[in-house]
C-alpha cells in the first residue's frame, strides 16, 4: 500500500494506534469513498459510468479513490476495465445495510 492509503497496523489521520477501526474510518471517511463503494455494490462499472453516477466528482478524485480502495482490497478492476467490489467489499456493504435502513426511516420522518 502507498503511504496515503490507510491500513490497519499503521498510523492514520486522527490516530497513531493503527487500530483497524481507525484505519477503516480514515479510508471510508475520505470524500466519495463510500459513494464509490455503494455504486459498485450494485454492479461492476467502468470508470466513466461510475463518474456519471457520482454527480460532480472529478476524474482525479475518482481514480485516487479507486486506487486506495483497490489497495485496501475492497475494489478490483476486471480485465474488461470494469471495477467491482471484492468479497471483502461485499462484507462492508452488508455491514452498511443497517445504516441504509436507518437512513430510510430517518427520511420518512422528514
N, C-alpha and C. Protein backbone atom coordinates (compact mmCIF):
# COMPACT_ATOMS: atom_id res chain seq x y z
N UNK A 1 0.83 -1.18 0.00
CA UNK A 1 0.00 0.00 0.00
C UNK A 1 0.87 1.24 0.00
N UNK A 2 0.38 2.26 -0.67
CA UNK A 2 1.11 3.51 -0.65
C UNK A 2 0.92 4.18 0.71
N UNK A 3 1.80 5.08 1.09
CA UNK A 3 1.68 5.73 2.39
C UNK A 3 0.36 6.47 2.60
N UNK A 4 -0.32 6.86 1.52
CA UNK A 4 -1.56 7.61 1.67
C UNK A 4 -2.77 6.72 1.86
N UNK A 5 -2.67 5.43 1.61
CA UNK A 5 -3.80 4.54 1.78
C UNK A 5 -3.83 4.02 3.22
N UNK A 6 -4.90 4.34 3.96
CA UNK A 6 -4.99 3.86 5.33
C UNK A 6 -4.97 2.33 5.39
N UNK A 7 -4.29 1.81 6.41
CA UNK A 7 -4.20 0.36 6.58
C UNK A 7 -4.11 0.04 8.06
N UNK A 8 -4.76 -1.05 8.48
CA UNK A 8 -4.65 -1.46 9.88
C UNK A 8 -3.18 -1.68 10.26
N UNK A 9 -2.85 -1.32 11.48
CA UNK A 9 -1.49 -1.50 11.96
C UNK A 9 -0.56 -0.35 11.67
N UNK A 10 -1.06 0.67 10.97
CA UNK A 10 -0.26 1.85 10.63
C UNK A 10 -0.98 3.10 11.12
N UNK A 11 -0.23 4.11 11.53
CA UNK A 11 -0.88 5.36 11.95
C UNK A 11 -1.73 5.94 10.81
N UNK A 12 -2.87 6.51 11.16
CA UNK A 12 -3.77 7.14 10.19
C UNK A 12 -4.19 8.50 10.72
N UNK A 13 -4.90 9.25 9.90
CA UNK A 13 -5.39 10.56 10.34
C UNK A 13 -6.18 10.39 11.64
N UNK A 14 -5.80 11.15 12.63
CA UNK A 14 -6.53 11.15 13.88
C UNK A 14 -6.17 10.04 14.84
N UNK A 15 -5.24 9.15 14.47
CA UNK A 15 -4.89 8.05 15.38
C UNK A 15 -3.51 7.52 15.05
N UNK A 16 -2.70 7.38 16.07
CA UNK A 16 -1.38 6.79 15.88
C UNK A 16 -1.35 5.33 16.30
N UNK A 17 -2.50 4.79 16.73
CA UNK A 17 -2.54 3.43 17.27
C UNK A 17 -2.49 2.34 16.20
N UNK A 18 -2.99 2.63 15.01
CA UNK A 18 -3.05 1.60 13.98
C UNK A 18 -4.19 0.63 14.17
N UNK A 19 -5.13 0.97 15.07
CA UNK A 19 -6.29 0.09 15.27
C UNK A 19 -7.07 -0.03 13.98
N UNK A 20 -7.53 -1.23 13.64
CA UNK A 20 -8.26 -1.43 12.38
C UNK A 20 -9.46 -0.52 12.20
N UNK A 21 -10.24 -0.30 13.24
CA UNK A 21 -11.42 0.55 13.09
C UNK A 21 -11.02 1.99 12.74
N UNK A 22 -9.91 2.46 13.26
CA UNK A 22 -9.46 3.82 12.94
C UNK A 22 -9.00 3.91 11.49
N UNK A 23 -8.32 2.88 11.01
CA UNK A 23 -7.90 2.86 9.61
C UNK A 23 -9.13 2.81 8.70
N UNK A 24 -10.12 2.01 9.07
CA UNK A 24 -11.34 1.91 8.27
C UNK A 24 -12.07 3.25 8.23
N UNK A 25 -12.16 3.92 9.38
CA UNK A 25 -12.83 5.22 9.41
C UNK A 25 -12.08 6.26 8.58
N UNK A 26 -10.76 6.20 8.58
CA UNK A 26 -9.98 7.12 7.76
C UNK A 26 -10.25 6.84 6.27
N UNK A 27 -10.17 5.59 5.88
CA UNK A 27 -10.38 5.23 4.48
C UNK A 27 -11.80 5.58 4.02
N UNK A 28 -12.79 5.15 4.78
CA UNK A 28 -14.18 5.34 4.37
C UNK A 28 -14.65 6.77 4.55
N UNK A 29 -13.94 7.56 5.38
CA UNK A 29 -14.30 8.95 5.58
C UNK A 29 -13.77 9.87 4.51
N UNK A 30 -13.00 9.34 3.60
CA UNK A 30 -12.48 10.19 2.52
C UNK A 30 -13.60 10.51 1.54
N UNK A 31 -13.53 11.73 1.04
CA UNK A 31 -14.59 12.20 0.14
C UNK A 31 -14.82 11.23 -1.00
N UNK A 32 -16.06 10.85 -1.21
CA UNK A 32 -16.54 9.99 -2.28
C UNK A 32 -16.26 8.50 -2.07
N UNK A 33 -15.49 8.11 -1.08
CA UNK A 33 -15.14 6.69 -0.93
C UNK A 33 -16.37 5.82 -0.74
N UNK A 34 -17.25 6.19 0.18
CA UNK A 34 -18.44 5.38 0.40
C UNK A 34 -19.37 5.40 -0.81
N UNK A 35 -19.44 6.52 -1.48
CA UNK A 35 -20.31 6.60 -2.67
C UNK A 35 -19.81 5.67 -3.76
N UNK A 36 -18.50 5.63 -3.97
CA UNK A 36 -17.93 4.72 -4.97
C UNK A 36 -18.26 3.28 -4.61
N UNK A 37 -18.06 2.91 -3.36
CA UNK A 37 -18.37 1.54 -2.93
C UNK A 37 -19.85 1.24 -3.07
N UNK A 38 -20.69 2.20 -2.72
CA UNK A 38 -22.14 1.99 -2.81
C UNK A 38 -22.56 1.74 -4.26
N UNK A 39 -22.06 2.54 -5.18
CA UNK A 39 -22.41 2.36 -6.59
C UNK A 39 -21.90 1.03 -7.13
N UNK A 40 -20.70 0.64 -6.73
CA UNK A 40 -20.14 -0.63 -7.21
C UNK A 40 -20.81 -1.83 -6.56
N UNK A 41 -21.49 -1.63 -5.44
CA UNK A 41 -22.13 -2.76 -4.78
C UNK A 41 -23.34 -3.25 -5.56
N UNK A 42 -23.84 -2.45 -6.48
CA UNK A 42 -24.99 -2.84 -7.28
C UNK A 42 -24.59 -3.57 -8.55
N UNK A 43 -23.47 -3.18 -9.14
CA UNK A 43 -22.98 -3.83 -10.36
C UNK A 43 -21.60 -3.29 -10.70
N UNK A 44 -20.79 -4.09 -11.39
CA UNK A 44 -19.49 -3.59 -11.86
C UNK A 44 -19.69 -2.46 -12.87
N UNK A 45 -18.81 -1.48 -12.82
CA UNK A 45 -18.93 -0.32 -13.71
C UNK A 45 -17.57 0.09 -14.23
N UNK A 46 -17.58 0.65 -15.43
CA UNK A 46 -16.37 1.29 -15.95
C UNK A 46 -16.21 2.63 -15.25
N UNK A 47 -15.01 3.16 -15.29
CA UNK A 47 -14.73 4.40 -14.57
C UNK A 47 -15.66 5.54 -15.00
N UNK A 48 -15.90 5.70 -16.28
CA UNK A 48 -16.76 6.79 -16.74
C UNK A 48 -18.21 6.59 -16.31
N UNK A 49 -18.66 5.34 -16.28
CA UNK A 49 -20.02 5.06 -15.78
C UNK A 49 -20.11 5.41 -14.29
N UNK A 50 -19.08 5.06 -13.58
CA UNK A 50 -19.04 5.36 -12.16
C UNK A 50 -19.01 6.87 -11.93
N UNK A 51 -18.22 7.58 -12.68
CA UNK A 51 -18.14 9.03 -12.56
C UNK A 51 -19.50 9.66 -12.83
N UNK A 52 -20.22 9.18 -13.85
CA UNK A 52 -21.54 9.71 -14.16
C UNK A 52 -22.52 9.52 -13.00
N UNK A 53 -22.37 8.43 -12.26
CA UNK A 53 -23.28 8.14 -11.14
C UNK A 53 -22.91 8.94 -9.89
N UNK A 54 -21.74 9.51 -9.87
CA UNK A 54 -21.26 10.20 -8.67
C UNK A 54 -21.29 11.71 -8.83
N UNK A 55 -22.31 12.20 -9.46
CA UNK A 55 -22.58 13.63 -9.55
C UNK A 55 -21.36 14.43 -10.01
N UNK A 56 -20.81 15.27 -9.14
CA UNK A 56 -19.76 16.21 -9.54
C UNK A 56 -18.35 15.77 -9.16
N UNK A 57 -18.13 14.48 -8.97
CA UNK A 57 -16.80 14.02 -8.59
C UNK A 57 -15.84 14.22 -9.77
N UNK A 58 -14.67 14.73 -9.47
CA UNK A 58 -13.68 14.94 -10.52
C UNK A 58 -13.02 13.60 -10.89
N UNK A 59 -12.49 13.52 -12.07
CA UNK A 59 -11.81 12.30 -12.53
C UNK A 59 -10.60 11.99 -11.65
N UNK A 60 -9.88 13.03 -11.25
CA UNK A 60 -8.69 12.78 -10.44
C UNK A 60 -9.05 12.18 -9.09
N UNK A 61 -10.12 12.67 -8.47
CA UNK A 61 -10.56 12.10 -7.19
C UNK A 61 -11.07 10.69 -7.39
N UNK A 62 -11.82 10.46 -8.47
CA UNK A 62 -12.32 9.11 -8.75
C UNK A 62 -11.17 8.11 -8.84
N UNK A 63 -10.17 8.42 -9.62
CA UNK A 63 -9.06 7.48 -9.79
C UNK A 63 -8.24 7.33 -8.50
N UNK A 64 -8.14 8.39 -7.72
CA UNK A 64 -7.45 8.28 -6.43
C UNK A 64 -8.22 7.35 -5.50
N UNK A 65 -9.54 7.52 -5.42
CA UNK A 65 -10.34 6.64 -4.56
C UNK A 65 -10.30 5.20 -5.05
N UNK A 66 -10.40 5.00 -6.35
CA UNK A 66 -10.34 3.63 -6.87
C UNK A 66 -9.00 2.98 -6.54
N UNK A 67 -7.93 3.75 -6.62
CA UNK A 67 -6.61 3.22 -6.27
C UNK A 67 -6.56 2.84 -4.80
N UNK A 68 -7.01 3.76 -3.94
CA UNK A 68 -6.98 3.49 -2.49
C UNK A 68 -7.86 2.30 -2.13
N UNK A 69 -9.06 2.26 -2.69
CA UNK A 69 -9.98 1.16 -2.37
C UNK A 69 -9.46 -0.16 -2.92
N UNK A 70 -8.77 -0.10 -4.05
CA UNK A 70 -8.14 -1.32 -4.60
C UNK A 70 -7.00 -1.78 -3.71
N UNK A 71 -6.16 -0.84 -3.29
CA UNK A 71 -5.04 -1.18 -2.41
C UNK A 71 -5.52 -1.73 -1.07
N UNK A 72 -6.69 -1.28 -0.64
CA UNK A 72 -7.25 -1.75 0.62
C UNK A 72 -7.97 -3.10 0.47
N UNK A 73 -8.09 -3.58 -0.78
CA UNK A 73 -8.71 -4.89 -1.01
C UNK A 73 -10.22 -4.85 -1.12
N UNK A 74 -10.81 -3.66 -1.30
CA UNK A 74 -12.26 -3.54 -1.38
C UNK A 74 -12.79 -3.50 -2.81
N UNK A 75 -11.93 -3.13 -3.75
CA UNK A 75 -12.31 -2.98 -5.16
C UNK A 75 -11.28 -3.68 -6.02
N UNK A 76 -11.75 -4.22 -7.12
CA UNK A 76 -10.85 -4.86 -8.10
C UNK A 76 -11.25 -4.38 -9.49
N UNK A 77 -10.26 -4.33 -10.38
CA UNK A 77 -10.56 -3.98 -11.78
C UNK A 77 -10.44 -5.25 -12.61
N UNK A 78 -11.53 -5.57 -13.31
CA UNK A 78 -11.55 -6.75 -14.18
C UNK A 78 -10.78 -6.48 -15.47
N UNK A 79 -10.47 -7.52 -16.18
CA UNK A 79 -9.71 -7.39 -17.43
C UNK A 79 -10.46 -6.57 -18.49
N UNK A 80 -11.79 -6.50 -18.38
CA UNK A 80 -12.56 -5.70 -19.34
C UNK A 80 -12.62 -4.21 -18.94
N UNK A 81 -11.92 -3.84 -17.85
CA UNK A 81 -11.86 -2.45 -17.43
C UNK A 81 -12.90 -2.06 -16.40
N UNK A 82 -13.87 -2.93 -16.14
CA UNK A 82 -14.90 -2.60 -15.15
C UNK A 82 -14.36 -2.79 -13.74
N UNK A 83 -14.82 -1.95 -12.84
CA UNK A 83 -14.47 -2.04 -11.43
C UNK A 83 -15.61 -2.73 -10.70
N UNK A 84 -15.27 -3.52 -9.69
CA UNK A 84 -16.27 -4.23 -8.90
C UNK A 84 -15.77 -4.32 -7.47
N UNK A 85 -16.70 -4.53 -6.54
CA UNK A 85 -16.27 -4.74 -5.17
C UNK A 85 -15.84 -6.19 -5.00
N UNK A 86 -14.91 -6.39 -4.12
CA UNK A 86 -14.41 -7.73 -3.79
C UNK A 86 -15.34 -8.35 -2.74
N UNK A 87 -15.04 -9.57 -2.35
CA UNK A 87 -15.85 -10.18 -1.29
C UNK A 87 -15.71 -9.39 0.01
N UNK A 88 -14.52 -8.85 0.28
CA UNK A 88 -14.33 -8.01 1.46
C UNK A 88 -15.17 -6.74 1.34
N UNK A 89 -15.22 -6.18 0.14
CA UNK A 89 -16.09 -5.02 -0.10
C UNK A 89 -17.55 -5.37 0.06
N UNK A 90 -17.93 -6.58 -0.33
CA UNK A 90 -19.30 -7.04 -0.13
C UNK A 90 -19.63 -7.18 1.35
N UNK A 91 -18.65 -7.61 2.14
CA UNK A 91 -18.85 -7.68 3.58
C UNK A 91 -19.13 -6.28 4.15
N UNK A 92 -18.44 -5.29 3.62
CA UNK A 92 -18.67 -3.92 4.07
C UNK A 92 -20.07 -3.48 3.67
N UNK A 93 -20.49 -3.82 2.48
CA UNK A 93 -21.85 -3.48 2.02
C UNK A 93 -22.88 -4.06 2.99
N UNK A 94 -22.68 -5.31 3.38
CA UNK A 94 -23.60 -5.94 4.33
C UNK A 94 -23.56 -5.21 5.68
N UNK A 95 -22.39 -4.76 6.09
CA UNK A 95 -22.28 -4.04 7.35
C UNK A 95 -22.98 -2.68 7.28
N UNK A 96 -23.08 -2.10 6.09
CA UNK A 96 -23.72 -0.80 5.93
C UNK A 96 -25.23 -0.89 5.75
N UNK A 97 -25.76 -2.09 5.53
CA UNK A 97 -27.20 -2.23 5.32
C UNK A 97 -28.03 -1.70 6.48
N UNK A 98 -27.63 -1.94 7.75
CA UNK A 98 -28.41 -1.33 8.84
C UNK A 98 -28.40 0.21 8.79
N UNK A 99 -27.31 0.79 8.38
CA UNK A 99 -27.25 2.25 8.24
C UNK A 99 -28.18 2.71 7.12
N UNK A 100 -28.24 1.97 6.03
CA UNK A 100 -29.16 2.28 4.94
C UNK A 100 -30.60 2.21 5.42
N UNK A 101 -30.94 1.17 6.16
CA UNK A 101 -32.30 1.03 6.69
C UNK A 101 -32.64 2.17 7.63
N UNK A 102 -31.69 2.52 8.50
CA UNK A 102 -31.92 3.64 9.41
C UNK A 102 -32.14 4.94 8.63
N UNK A 103 -31.33 5.17 7.60
CA UNK A 103 -31.44 6.42 6.85
C UNK A 103 -32.79 6.51 6.13
N UNK A 104 -33.33 5.37 5.71
CA UNK A 104 -34.67 5.38 5.08
C UNK A 104 -35.74 5.74 6.11
N UNK A 105 -35.62 5.22 7.33
CA UNK A 105 -36.57 5.58 8.39
C UNK A 105 -36.45 7.06 8.71
N UNK A 106 -35.25 7.55 8.75
CA UNK A 106 -35.00 8.96 9.01
C UNK A 106 -35.64 9.83 7.92
N UNK A 107 -35.49 9.40 6.67
CA UNK A 107 -36.05 10.15 5.55
C UNK A 107 -37.58 10.20 5.63
N UNK A 108 -38.19 9.15 6.12
CA UNK A 108 -39.65 9.11 6.23
C UNK A 108 -40.16 10.13 7.25
N UNK A 109 -39.33 10.44 8.23
CA UNK A 109 -39.72 11.42 9.26
C UNK A 109 -39.64 12.85 8.74
N UNK A 110 -38.81 13.07 7.76
CA UNK A 110 -38.58 14.44 7.29
C UNK A 110 -39.70 14.96 6.42
